[in-house]
Amino acid sequence: MKVALLCGQCGSRNYTTETEHKERLTIKKYCKKCNQHTTHKSSI
């Protein structure tokens, strides 16, 4: 299943990823809009 990752601060969809899990995924990634590393959550 392909899911989009949303930035926790600005809400922009910066990344997509493949996952087999049904629960919400949380990863720390770089956001181009915020210009820093922020927490990104899957949009399930």
PDB file of N, CA and C in Angstrom:
ATOM      1  N   MET A   1       0.852  -1.169   0.000  1.00  0.00           N
ATOM      2  CA  MET A   1       0.000   0.000   0.000  1.00  0.00           C
ATOM      3  C   MET A   1       0.904   1.241   0.000  1.00  0.00           C
ATOM      4  N   LYS A   2       0.611   2.181  -0.854  1.00  0.00           N
ATOM      5  CA  LYS A   2       1.383   3.421  -0.960  1.00  0.00           C
ATOM      6  C   LYS A   2       0.711   4.504  -0.133  1.00  0.00           C
ATOM      7  N   VAL A   3       1.488   5.167   0.747  1.00  0.00           N
ATOM      8  CA  VAL A   3       0.948   6.231   1.597  1.00  0.00           C
ATOM      9  C   VAL A   3       1.801   7.488   1.461  1.00  0.00           C
ATOM     10  N   ALA A   4       1.165   8.645   1.648  1.00  0.00           N
ATOM     11  CA  ALA A   4       1.869   9.922   1.636  1.00  0.00           C
ATOM     12  C   ALA A   4       2.272  10.266   3.060  1.00  0.00           C
ATOM     13  N   LEU A   5       3.419  10.929   3.204  1.00  0.00           N
ATOM     14  CA  LEU A   5       3.877  11.367   4.522  1.00  0.00           C
ATOM     15  C   LEU A   5       3.656  12.873   4.644  1.00  0.00           C
ATOM     16  N   LEU A   6       2.957  13.284   5.709  1.00  0.00           N
ATOM     17  CA  LEU A   6       2.627  14.687   5.942  1.00  0.00           C
ATOM     18  C   LEU A   6       3.541  15.272   7.002  1.00  0.00           C
ATOM     19  N   CYS A   7       4.032  16.489   6.768  1.00  0.00           N
ATOM     20  CA  CYS A   7       4.864  17.182   7.742  1.00  0.00           C
ATOM     21  C   CYS A   7       4.013  17.554   8.957  1.00  0.00           C
ATOM     22  N   GLY A   8       4.556  17.365  10.149  1.00  0.00           N
ATOM     23  CA  GLY A   8       3.833  17.657  11.380  1.00  0.00           C
ATOM     24  C   GLY A   8       3.671  19.141  11.648  1.00  0.00           C
ATOM     25  N   GLN A   9       4.533  19.997  11.066  1.00  0.00           N
ATOM     26  CA  GLN A   9       4.445  21.435  11.326  1.00  0.00           C
ATOM     27  C   GLN A   9       3.629  22.170  10.266  1.00  0.00           C
ATOM     28  N   CYS A  10       3.968  21.985   8.990  1.00  0.00           N
ATOM     29  CA  CYS A  10       3.280  22.757   7.944  1.00  0.00           C
ATOM     30  C   CYS A  10       2.195  21.960   7.213  1.00  0.00           C
ATOM     31  N   GLY A  11       2.209  20.622   7.333  1.00  0.00           N
ATOM     32  CA  GLY A  11       1.167  19.802   6.721  1.00  0.00           C
ATOM     33  C   GLY A  11       1.381  19.482   5.259  1.00  0.00           C
ATOM     34  N   SER A  12       2.533  19.823   4.688  1.00  0.00           N
ATOM     35  CA  SER A  12       2.771  19.539   3.277  1.00  0.00           C
ATOM     36  C   SER A  12       3.098  18.065   3.075  1.00  0.00           C
ATOM     37  N   ARG A  13       2.725  17.538   1.923  1.00  0.00           N
ATOM     38  CA  ARG A  13       2.992  16.141   1.571  1.00  0.00           C
ATOM     39  C   ARG A  13       4.307  16.088   0.800  1.00  0.00           C
ATOM     40  N   ASN A  14       5.397  15.729   1.502  1.00  0.00           N
ATOM     41  CA  ASN A  14       6.727  15.758   0.912  1.00  0.00           C
ATOM     42  C   ASN A  14       7.190  14.416   0.378  1.00  0.00           C
ATOM     43  N   TYR A  15       6.760  13.336   0.973  1.00  0.00           N
ATOM     44  CA  TYR A  15       7.280  12.015   0.644  1.00  0.00           C
ATOM     45  C   TYR A  15       6.150  11.014   0.484  1.00  0.00           C
ATOM     46  N   THR A  16       6.411   9.929  -0.266  1.00  0.00           N
ATOM     47  CA  THR A  16       5.526   8.775  -0.326  1.00  0.00           C
ATOM     48  C   THR A  16       6.356   7.550   0.006  1.00  0.00           C
ATOM     49  N   THR A  17       5.701   6.533   0.541  1.00  0.00           N
ATOM     50  CA  THR A  17       6.395   5.306   0.910  1.00  0.00           C
ATOM     51  C   THR A  17       5.453   4.123   0.765  1.00  0.00           C
ATOM     52  N   GLU A  18       6.025   2.944   0.611  1.00  0.00           N
ATOM     53  CA  GLU A  18       5.263   1.693   0.566  1.00  0.00           C
ATOM     54  C   GLU A  18       5.269   1.079   1.953  1.00  0.00           C
ATOM     55  N   THR A  19       4.118   0.593   2.420  1.00  0.00           N
ATOM     56  CA  THR A  19       4.048  -0.050   3.728  1.00  0.00           C
ATOM     57  C   THR A  19       3.020  -1.170   3.718  1.00  0.00           C
ATOM     58  N   GLU A  20       3.238  -2.156   4.546  1.00  0.00           N
ATOM     59  CA  GLU A  20       2.315  -3.270   4.706  1.00  0.00           C
ATOM     60  C   GLU A  20       1.470  -3.111   5.966  1.00  0.00           C
ATOM     61  N   HIS A  21       1.832  -2.165   6.840  1.00  0.00           N
ATOM     62  CA  HIS A  21       1.186  -1.997   8.137  1.00  0.00           C
ATOM     63  C   HIS A  21      -0.054  -1.125   8.039  1.00  0.00           C
ATOM     64  N   LYS A  22      -1.031  -1.427   8.874  1.00  0.00           N
ATOM     65  CA  LYS A  22      -2.282  -0.647   8.911  1.00  0.00           C
ATOM     66  C   LYS A  22      -2.195   0.544   9.854  1.00  0.00           C
ATOM     67  N   GLU A  23      -1.304   0.480  10.879  1.00  0.00           N
ATOM     68  CA  GLU A  23      -1.213   1.588  11.832  1.00  0.00           C
ATOM     69  C   GLU A  23      -0.436   2.757  11.222  1.00  0.00           C
ATOM     70  N   ARG A  24      -0.564   3.917  11.845  1.00  0.00           N
ATOM     71  CA  ARG A  24       0.043   5.144  11.341  1.00  0.00           C
ATOM     72  C   ARG A  24       1.557   5.120  11.531  1.00  0.00           C
ATOM     73  N   LEU A  25       2.291   5.443  10.488  1.00  0.00           N
ATOM     74  CA  LEU A  25       3.745   5.446  10.481  1.00  0.00           C
ATOM     75  C   LEU A  25       4.254   6.847  10.825  1.00  0.00           C
ATOM     76  N   THR A  26       5.281   6.948  11.683  1.00  0.00           N
ATOM     77  CA  THR A  26       5.872   8.232  12.056  1.00  0.00           C
ATOM     78  C   THR A  26       7.374   8.167  11.831  1.00  0.00           C
ATOM     79  N   ILE A  27       7.887   9.081  10.994  1.00  0.00           N
ATOM     80  CA  ILE A  27       9.311   9.115  10.640  1.00  0.00           C
ATOM     81  C   ILE A  27       9.798  10.555  10.723  1.00  0.00           C
ATOM     82  N   LYS A  28      11.032  10.749  11.127  1.00  0.00           N
ATOM     83  CA  LYS A  28      11.639  12.071  11.132  1.00  0.00           C
ATOM     84  C   LYS A  28      12.355  12.269   9.790  1.00  0.00           C
ATOM     85  N   LYS A  29      11.885  13.241   8.989  1.00  0.00           N
ATOM     86  CA  LYS A  29      12.421  13.509   7.657  1.00  0.00           C
ATOM     87  C   LYS A  29      12.657  15.009   7.488  1.00  0.00           C
ATOM     88  N   TYR A  30      13.372  15.377   6.417  1.00  0.00           N
ATOM     89  CA  TYR A  30      13.638  16.779   6.100  1.00  0.00           C
ATOM     90  C   TYR A  30      12.463  17.365   5.322  1.00  0.00           C
ATOM     91  N   CYS A  31      11.974  18.513   5.759  1.00  0.00           N
ATOM     92  CA  CYS A  31      10.894  19.229   5.062  1.00  0.00           C
ATOM     93  C   CYS A  31      11.493  20.425   4.330  1.00  0.00           C
ATOM     94  N   LYS A  32      11.231  20.517   3.022  1.00  0.00           N
ATOM     95  CA  LYS A  32      11.767  21.618   2.215  1.00  0.00           C
ATOM     96  C   LYS A  32      11.114  22.954   2.558  1.00  0.00           C
ATOM     97  N   LYS A  33       9.833  22.926   2.907  1.00  0.00           N
ATOM     98  CA  LYS A  33       9.133  24.171   3.250  1.00  0.00           C
ATOM     99  C   LYS A  33       9.590  24.727   4.597  1.00  0.00           C
ATOM    100  N   CYS A  34       9.727  23.847   5.609  1.00  0.00           N
ATOM    101  CA  CYS A  34      10.143  24.273   6.943  1.00  0.00           C
ATOM    102  C   CYS A  34      11.658  24.476   7.021  1.00  0.00           C
ATOM    103  N   ASN A  35      12.396  23.891   6.091  1.00  0.00           N
ATOM    104  CA  ASN A  35      13.854  23.988   6.028  1.00  0.00           C
ATOM    105  C   ASN A  35      14.523  23.383   7.271  1.00  0.00           C
ATOM    106  N   GLN A  36      13.937  22.270   7.773  1.00  0.00           N
ATOM    107  CA  GLN A  36      14.498  21.569   8.926  1.00  0.00           C
ATOM    108  C   GLN A  36      13.936  20.149   8.985  1.00  0.00           C
ATOM    109  N   HIS A  37      14.515  19.311   9.853  1.00  0.00           N
ATOM    110  CA  HIS A  37      14.011  17.959  10.059  1.00  0.00           C
ATOM    111  C   HIS A  37      12.803  18.031  10.984  1.00  0.00           C
ATOM    112  N   THR A  38      11.682  17.439  10.537  1.00  0.00           N
ATOM    113  CA  THR A  38      10.451  17.433  11.308  1.00  0.00           C
ATOM    114  C   THR A  38       9.866  16.030  11.320  1.00  0.00           C
ATOM    115  N   THR A  39       8.884  15.806  12.167  1.00  0.00           N
ATOM    116  CA  THR A  39       8.191  14.529  12.227  1.00  0.00           C
ATOM    117  C   THR A  39       7.161  14.455  11.105  1.00  0.00           C
ATOM    118  N   HIS A  40       7.207  13.394  10.328  1.00  0.00           N
ATOM    119  CA  HIS A  40       6.248  13.161   9.244  1.00  0.00           C
ATOM    120  C   HIS A  40       5.398  11.955   9.611  1.00  0.00           C
ATOM    121  N   LYS A  41       4.079  12.067   9.406  1.00  0.00           N
ATOM    122  CA  LYS A  41       3.151  10.973   9.711  1.00  0.00           C
ATOM    123  C   LYS A  41       2.449  10.541   8.435  1.00  0.00           C
ATOM    124  N   SER A  42       2.120   9.260   8.369  1.00  0.00           N
ATOM    125  CA  SER A  42       1.414   8.743   7.194  1.00  0.00           C
ATOM    126  C   SER A  42      -0.025   9.243   7.184  1.00  0.00           C
ATOM    127  N   SER A  43      -0.579   9.360   6.013  1.00  0.00           N
ATOM    128  CA  SER A  43      -1.925   9.923   5.844  1.00  0.00           C
ATOM    129  C   SER A  43      -2.982   8.830   5.727  1.00  0.00           C
ATOM    130  N   ILE A  44      -2.939   7.842   6.604  1.00  0.00           N
ATOM    131  CA  ILE A  44      -3.919   6.741   6.582  1.00  0.00           C
ATOM    132  C   ILE A  44      -5.167   7.183   7.303  1.00  0.00           C
TER     133      ILE A  44
END
